[in-house]
Amino acid sequence: MKQTQKVNKCYTSELEAFDTYANPYNISKDDYTLIAKTFNNILMNEIIETGKAFSLPAGLGNLTILKKKPFDKAKFDYKLYKETGQKLWTKNMHSEGLVAVYI
């Protein structure tokens, strides 16, 4: 049985997190990945639909969505750029120029 280690590391994938998981139930990597992705999708949908904040365990803070002004003037339409090569700058007029950010 693996022992969990307290490390100051940011995991970039479920598989990296699985390597440090104690795994008392003998879950396979595929099942662990499926569970993690399903949980993340449910959590994201809940935050988007209700607008509530989610408290992360172990004092890691809260996860929520905020509206804020973008740092740069505007973003361009990537789909149009990919199809035509033309950069069309968007202004987010439907959202009064604000963007949604996961925090």
N, C-alpha and C. Protein backbone atom coordinates (compact mmCIF):
# COMPACT_ATOMS: atom_id res chain seq x y z
N MET A 1 0.84 -1.17 0.00
CA MET A 1 0.00 0.00 0.00
C MET A 1 0.89 1.25 0.00
N LYS A 2 0.57 2.20 -0.87
CA LYS A 2 1.36 3.43 -0.95
C LYS A 2 1.02 4.35 0.21
N GLN A 3 1.99 5.10 0.63
CA GLN A 3 1.78 6.12 1.65
C GLN A 3 1.66 7.47 0.95
N THR A 4 0.71 8.28 1.40
CA THR A 4 0.62 9.61 0.81
C THR A 4 1.71 10.48 1.40
N GLN A 5 2.23 11.36 0.58
CA GLN A 5 3.29 12.25 1.02
C GLN A 5 2.77 13.67 0.97
N LYS A 6 3.15 14.47 1.94
CA LYS A 6 2.81 15.88 1.90
C LYS A 6 3.90 16.58 1.11
N VAL A 7 3.53 17.06 -0.04
CA VAL A 7 4.49 17.74 -0.90
C VAL A 7 3.86 19.03 -1.38
N ASN A 8 4.66 20.04 -1.58
CA ASN A 8 4.17 21.28 -2.15
C ASN A 8 4.32 21.19 -3.65
N LYS A 9 3.44 20.41 -4.28
CA LYS A 9 3.51 20.19 -5.72
C LYS A 9 2.14 20.42 -6.32
N CYS A 10 2.11 21.04 -7.46
CA CYS A 10 0.86 21.23 -8.18
C CYS A 10 0.76 20.13 -9.23
N TYR A 11 -0.27 19.31 -9.14
CA TYR A 11 -0.41 18.21 -10.08
C TYR A 11 -0.99 18.71 -11.40
N THR A 12 -0.44 18.22 -12.50
CA THR A 12 -0.91 18.66 -13.80
C THR A 12 -1.90 17.68 -14.42
N SER A 13 -2.08 16.52 -13.86
CA SER A 13 -3.03 15.56 -14.40
C SER A 13 -3.52 14.64 -13.28
N GLU A 14 -4.62 13.93 -13.60
CA GLU A 14 -5.14 12.97 -12.63
C GLU A 14 -4.15 11.83 -12.40
N LEU A 15 -3.40 11.48 -13.43
CA LEU A 15 -2.46 10.36 -13.30
C LEU A 15 -1.31 10.70 -12.35
N GLU A 16 -0.86 11.96 -12.37
CA GLU A 16 0.17 12.35 -11.41
C GLU A 16 -0.38 12.31 -9.98
N ALA A 17 -1.62 12.74 -9.81
CA ALA A 17 -2.25 12.69 -8.49
C ALA A 17 -2.44 11.23 -8.05
N PHE A 18 -2.76 10.34 -9.00
CA PHE A 18 -2.97 8.93 -8.69
C PHE A 18 -1.70 8.29 -8.13
N ASP A 19 -0.55 8.71 -8.62
CA ASP A 19 0.71 8.12 -8.17
C ASP A 19 0.97 8.35 -6.68
N THR A 20 0.40 9.42 -6.10
CA THR A 20 0.59 9.67 -4.67
C THR A 20 -0.61 9.24 -3.84
N TYR A 21 -1.66 8.72 -4.50
CA TYR A 21 -2.87 8.29 -3.81
C TYR A 21 -2.62 6.98 -3.08
N ALA A 22 -3.06 6.88 -1.81
CA ALA A 22 -2.81 5.68 -1.01
C ALA A 22 -3.53 4.45 -1.58
N ASN A 23 -4.69 4.63 -2.23
CA ASN A 23 -5.44 3.58 -2.92
C ASN A 23 -5.83 2.40 -2.02
N PRO A 24 -6.60 2.66 -0.95
CA PRO A 24 -7.02 1.56 -0.07
C PRO A 24 -8.05 0.63 -0.70
N TYR A 25 -8.70 1.06 -1.79
CA TYR A 25 -9.74 0.26 -2.43
C TYR A 25 -9.27 -0.39 -3.72
N ASN A 26 -7.98 -0.34 -4.01
CA ASN A 26 -7.39 -0.92 -5.22
C ASN A 26 -8.10 -0.44 -6.50
N ILE A 27 -8.24 0.86 -6.62
CA ILE A 27 -8.86 1.46 -7.80
C ILE A 27 -7.81 1.53 -8.92
N SER A 28 -8.21 1.18 -10.12
CA SER A 28 -7.28 1.26 -11.25
C SER A 28 -7.10 2.72 -11.68
N LYS A 29 -6.04 2.98 -12.45
CA LYS A 29 -5.81 4.34 -12.94
C LYS A 29 -6.96 4.82 -13.81
N ASP A 30 -7.52 3.93 -14.62
CA ASP A 30 -8.64 4.30 -15.47
C ASP A 30 -9.87 4.69 -14.65
N ASP A 31 -10.17 3.91 -13.60
CA ASP A 31 -11.31 4.23 -12.74
C ASP A 31 -11.07 5.53 -11.98
N TYR A 32 -9.84 5.73 -11.50
CA TYR A 32 -9.48 6.96 -10.78
C TYR A 32 -9.66 8.17 -11.68
N THR A 33 -9.21 8.06 -12.93
CA THR A 33 -9.34 9.16 -13.88
C THR A 33 -10.81 9.44 -14.17
N LEU A 34 -11.60 8.39 -14.36
CA LEU A 34 -13.02 8.56 -14.63
C LEU A 34 -13.72 9.24 -13.44
N ILE A 35 -13.41 8.82 -12.23
CA ILE A 35 -14.00 9.42 -11.03
C ILE A 35 -13.61 10.89 -10.93
N ALA A 36 -12.33 11.20 -11.12
CA ALA A 36 -11.86 12.58 -11.01
C ALA A 36 -12.50 13.48 -12.07
N LYS A 37 -12.56 13.00 -13.32
CA LYS A 37 -13.15 13.81 -14.39
C LYS A 37 -14.65 14.00 -14.18
N THR A 38 -15.34 12.95 -13.74
CA THR A 38 -16.77 13.07 -13.47
C THR A 38 -17.04 14.07 -12.35
N PHE A 39 -16.27 13.96 -11.27
CA PHE A 39 -16.43 14.89 -10.16
C PHE A 39 -16.16 16.33 -10.61
N ASN A 40 -15.08 16.53 -11.37
CA ASN A 40 -14.75 17.89 -11.84
C ASN A 40 -15.85 18.46 -12.72
N ASN A 41 -16.43 17.64 -13.61
CA ASN A 41 -17.52 18.11 -14.47
C ASN A 41 -18.76 18.46 -13.65
N ILE A 42 -19.11 17.62 -12.69
CA ILE A 42 -20.27 17.91 -11.84
C ILE A 42 -20.03 19.19 -11.05
N LEU A 43 -18.83 19.34 -10.51
CA LEU A 43 -18.50 20.53 -9.72
C LEU A 43 -18.55 21.79 -10.59
N MET A 44 -17.95 21.77 -11.77
CA MET A 44 -17.97 22.93 -12.66
C MET A 44 -19.40 23.30 -13.05
N ASN A 45 -20.22 22.31 -13.41
CA ASN A 45 -21.60 22.59 -13.79
C ASN A 45 -22.39 23.19 -12.63
N GLU A 46 -22.18 22.67 -11.44
CA GLU A 46 -22.88 23.20 -10.26
C GLU A 46 -22.48 24.65 -9.98
N ILE A 47 -21.20 24.95 -10.09
CA ILE A 47 -20.74 26.32 -9.86
C ILE A 47 -21.29 27.26 -10.92
N ILE A 48 -21.30 26.82 -12.18
CA ILE A 48 -21.80 27.65 -13.27
C ILE A 48 -23.30 27.88 -13.14
N GLU A 49 -24.07 26.83 -12.85
CA GLU A 49 -25.53 26.93 -12.82
C GLU A 49 -26.06 27.65 -11.59
N THR A 50 -25.40 27.49 -10.44
CA THR A 50 -25.92 28.10 -9.22
C THR A 50 -25.20 29.39 -8.85
N GLY A 51 -23.97 29.55 -9.30
CA GLY A 51 -23.20 30.74 -8.95
C GLY A 51 -22.63 30.70 -7.54
N LYS A 52 -22.76 29.56 -6.89
CA LYS A 52 -22.25 29.43 -5.52
C LYS A 52 -20.76 29.13 -5.52
N ALA A 53 -20.13 29.40 -4.39
CA ALA A 53 -18.72 29.07 -4.21
C ALA A 53 -18.61 27.67 -3.61
N PHE A 54 -17.55 26.96 -3.95
CA PHE A 54 -17.29 25.63 -3.41
C PHE A 54 -16.06 25.71 -2.53
N SER A 55 -16.17 25.29 -1.30
CA SER A 55 -15.04 25.30 -0.37
C SER A 55 -14.19 24.06 -0.60
N LEU A 56 -12.94 24.27 -0.91
CA LEU A 56 -12.01 23.17 -1.12
C LEU A 56 -11.52 22.64 0.21
N PRO A 57 -11.23 21.34 0.30
CA PRO A 57 -10.77 20.77 1.57
C PRO A 57 -9.34 21.19 1.91
N ALA A 58 -8.95 20.91 3.14
CA ALA A 58 -7.58 21.14 3.64
C ALA A 58 -7.18 22.61 3.58
N GLY A 59 -8.15 23.50 3.72
CA GLY A 59 -7.84 24.93 3.76
C GLY A 59 -7.30 25.50 2.47
N LEU A 60 -7.69 24.90 1.34
CA LEU A 60 -7.18 25.37 0.04
C LEU A 60 -7.95 26.56 -0.51
N GLY A 61 -9.03 26.97 0.17
CA GLY A 61 -9.77 28.14 -0.27
C GLY A 61 -11.08 27.78 -0.93
N ASN A 62 -11.59 28.72 -1.73
CA ASN A 62 -12.87 28.55 -2.40
C ASN A 62 -12.68 28.56 -3.91
N LEU A 63 -13.60 27.88 -4.61
CA LEU A 63 -13.62 27.88 -6.06
C LEU A 63 -14.93 28.52 -6.49
N THR A 64 -14.86 29.58 -7.27
CA THR A 64 -16.06 30.29 -7.69
C THR A 64 -15.80 30.95 -9.04
N ILE A 65 -16.84 31.54 -9.59
CA ILE A 65 -16.72 32.27 -10.85
C ILE A 65 -16.95 33.74 -10.56
N LEU A 66 -16.09 34.59 -11.08
CA LEU A 66 -16.23 36.03 -10.93
C LEU A 66 -16.30 36.68 -12.30
N LYS A 67 -16.95 37.83 -12.35
CA LYS A 67 -16.94 38.64 -13.57
C LYS A 67 -15.88 39.71 -13.38
N LYS A 68 -15.08 39.94 -14.41
CA LYS A 68 -14.07 40.99 -14.31
C LYS A 68 -13.72 41.51 -15.69
N LYS A 69 -13.13 42.67 -15.71
CA LYS A 69 -12.66 43.26 -16.95
C LYS A 69 -11.41 42.51 -17.38
N PRO A 70 -11.27 42.20 -18.68
CA PRO A 70 -10.06 41.52 -19.14
C PRO A 70 -8.85 42.45 -19.04
N PHE A 71 -7.66 41.84 -18.90
CA PHE A 71 -6.43 42.62 -18.79
C PHE A 71 -6.12 43.39 -20.06
N ASP A 72 -6.30 42.74 -21.19
CA ASP A 72 -6.01 43.41 -22.45
C ASP A 72 -7.30 44.01 -23.01
N LYS A 73 -7.18 44.77 -24.07
CA LYS A 73 -8.33 45.48 -24.64
C LYS A 73 -9.43 44.52 -25.09
N ALA A 74 -9.05 43.50 -25.82
CA ALA A 74 -10.04 42.59 -26.37
C ALA A 74 -9.37 41.29 -26.81
N LYS A 75 -10.17 40.32 -27.06
CA LYS A 75 -9.70 39.04 -27.60
C LYS A 75 -10.20 38.91 -29.02
N PHE A 76 -9.47 38.17 -29.84
CA PHE A 76 -9.99 38.00 -31.19
C PHE A 76 -10.68 36.65 -31.32
N ASP A 77 -11.53 36.56 -32.33
CA ASP A 77 -12.35 35.37 -32.59
C ASP A 77 -11.45 34.29 -33.19
N TYR A 78 -11.05 33.30 -32.37
CA TYR A 78 -10.12 32.26 -32.80
C TYR A 78 -10.70 31.38 -33.90
N LYS A 79 -12.00 31.09 -33.81
CA LYS A 79 -12.63 30.25 -34.83
C LYS A 79 -12.56 30.91 -36.21
N LEU A 80 -12.91 32.19 -36.26
CA LEU A 80 -12.84 32.92 -37.52
C LEU A 80 -11.40 33.00 -38.02
N TYR A 81 -10.46 33.23 -37.11
CA TYR A 81 -9.05 33.32 -37.48
C TYR A 81 -8.55 31.99 -38.05
N LYS A 82 -8.97 30.89 -37.44
CA LYS A 82 -8.54 29.58 -37.91
C LYS A 82 -9.09 29.28 -39.30
N GLU A 83 -10.34 29.71 -39.54
CA GLU A 83 -10.98 29.43 -40.82
C GLU A 83 -10.51 30.37 -41.93
N THR A 84 -10.32 31.66 -41.61
CA THR A 84 -10.04 32.65 -42.66
C THR A 84 -8.68 33.32 -42.54
N GLY A 85 -8.08 33.28 -41.36
CA GLY A 85 -6.82 33.99 -41.15
C GLY A 85 -7.03 35.45 -40.79
N GLN A 86 -8.29 35.88 -40.65
CA GLN A 86 -8.61 37.27 -40.34
C GLN A 86 -8.81 37.41 -38.83
N LYS A 87 -8.17 38.43 -38.24
CA LYS A 87 -8.34 38.69 -36.81
C LYS A 87 -9.47 39.69 -36.63
N LEU A 88 -10.56 39.22 -36.01
CA LEU A 88 -11.69 40.08 -35.71
C LEU A 88 -11.74 40.21 -34.19
N TRP A 89 -11.53 41.43 -33.71
CA TRP A 89 -11.49 41.65 -32.27
C TRP A 89 -12.89 41.69 -31.70
N THR A 90 -13.12 40.94 -30.63
CA THR A 90 -14.43 40.90 -29.99
C THR A 90 -14.43 41.87 -28.81
N LYS A 91 -15.62 42.36 -28.46
CA LYS A 91 -15.72 43.31 -27.37
C LYS A 91 -16.63 42.82 -26.25
N ASN A 92 -17.16 41.62 -26.34
CA ASN A 92 -18.06 41.06 -25.32
C ASN A 92 -19.21 42.00 -25.02
N MET A 93 -19.85 42.51 -26.06
CA MET A 93 -20.96 43.45 -25.85
C MET A 93 -22.13 42.78 -25.11
N HIS A 94 -22.31 41.48 -25.29
CA HIS A 94 -23.39 40.77 -24.62
C HIS A 94 -23.18 40.68 -23.11
N SER A 95 -21.94 40.89 -22.65
CA SER A 95 -21.65 40.80 -21.22
C SER A 95 -21.06 42.10 -20.70
N GLU A 96 -21.34 43.20 -21.38
CA GLU A 96 -20.85 44.53 -21.00
C GLU A 96 -19.33 44.56 -20.90
N GLY A 97 -18.64 43.80 -21.72
CA GLY A 97 -17.18 43.80 -21.77
C GLY A 97 -16.52 42.96 -20.68
N LEU A 98 -17.30 42.25 -19.88
CA LEU A 98 -16.76 41.45 -18.79
C LEU A 98 -16.51 40.01 -19.26
N VAL A 99 -15.59 39.33 -18.59
CA VAL A 99 -15.33 37.92 -18.86
C VAL A 99 -15.52 37.13 -17.56
N ALA A 100 -15.84 35.85 -17.70
CA ALA A 100 -15.99 34.98 -16.54
C ALA A 100 -14.65 34.30 -16.26
N VAL A 101 -14.28 34.23 -14.97
CA VAL A 101 -13.01 33.67 -14.58
C VAL A 101 -13.23 32.72 -13.40
N TYR A 102 -12.69 31.49 -13.51
CA TYR A 102 -12.69 30.59 -12.35
C TYR A 102 -11.64 31.06 -11.37
N ILE A 103 -12.01 31.22 -10.12
CA ILE A 103 -11.06 31.64 -9.09
C ILE A 103 -11.12 30.62 -7.97
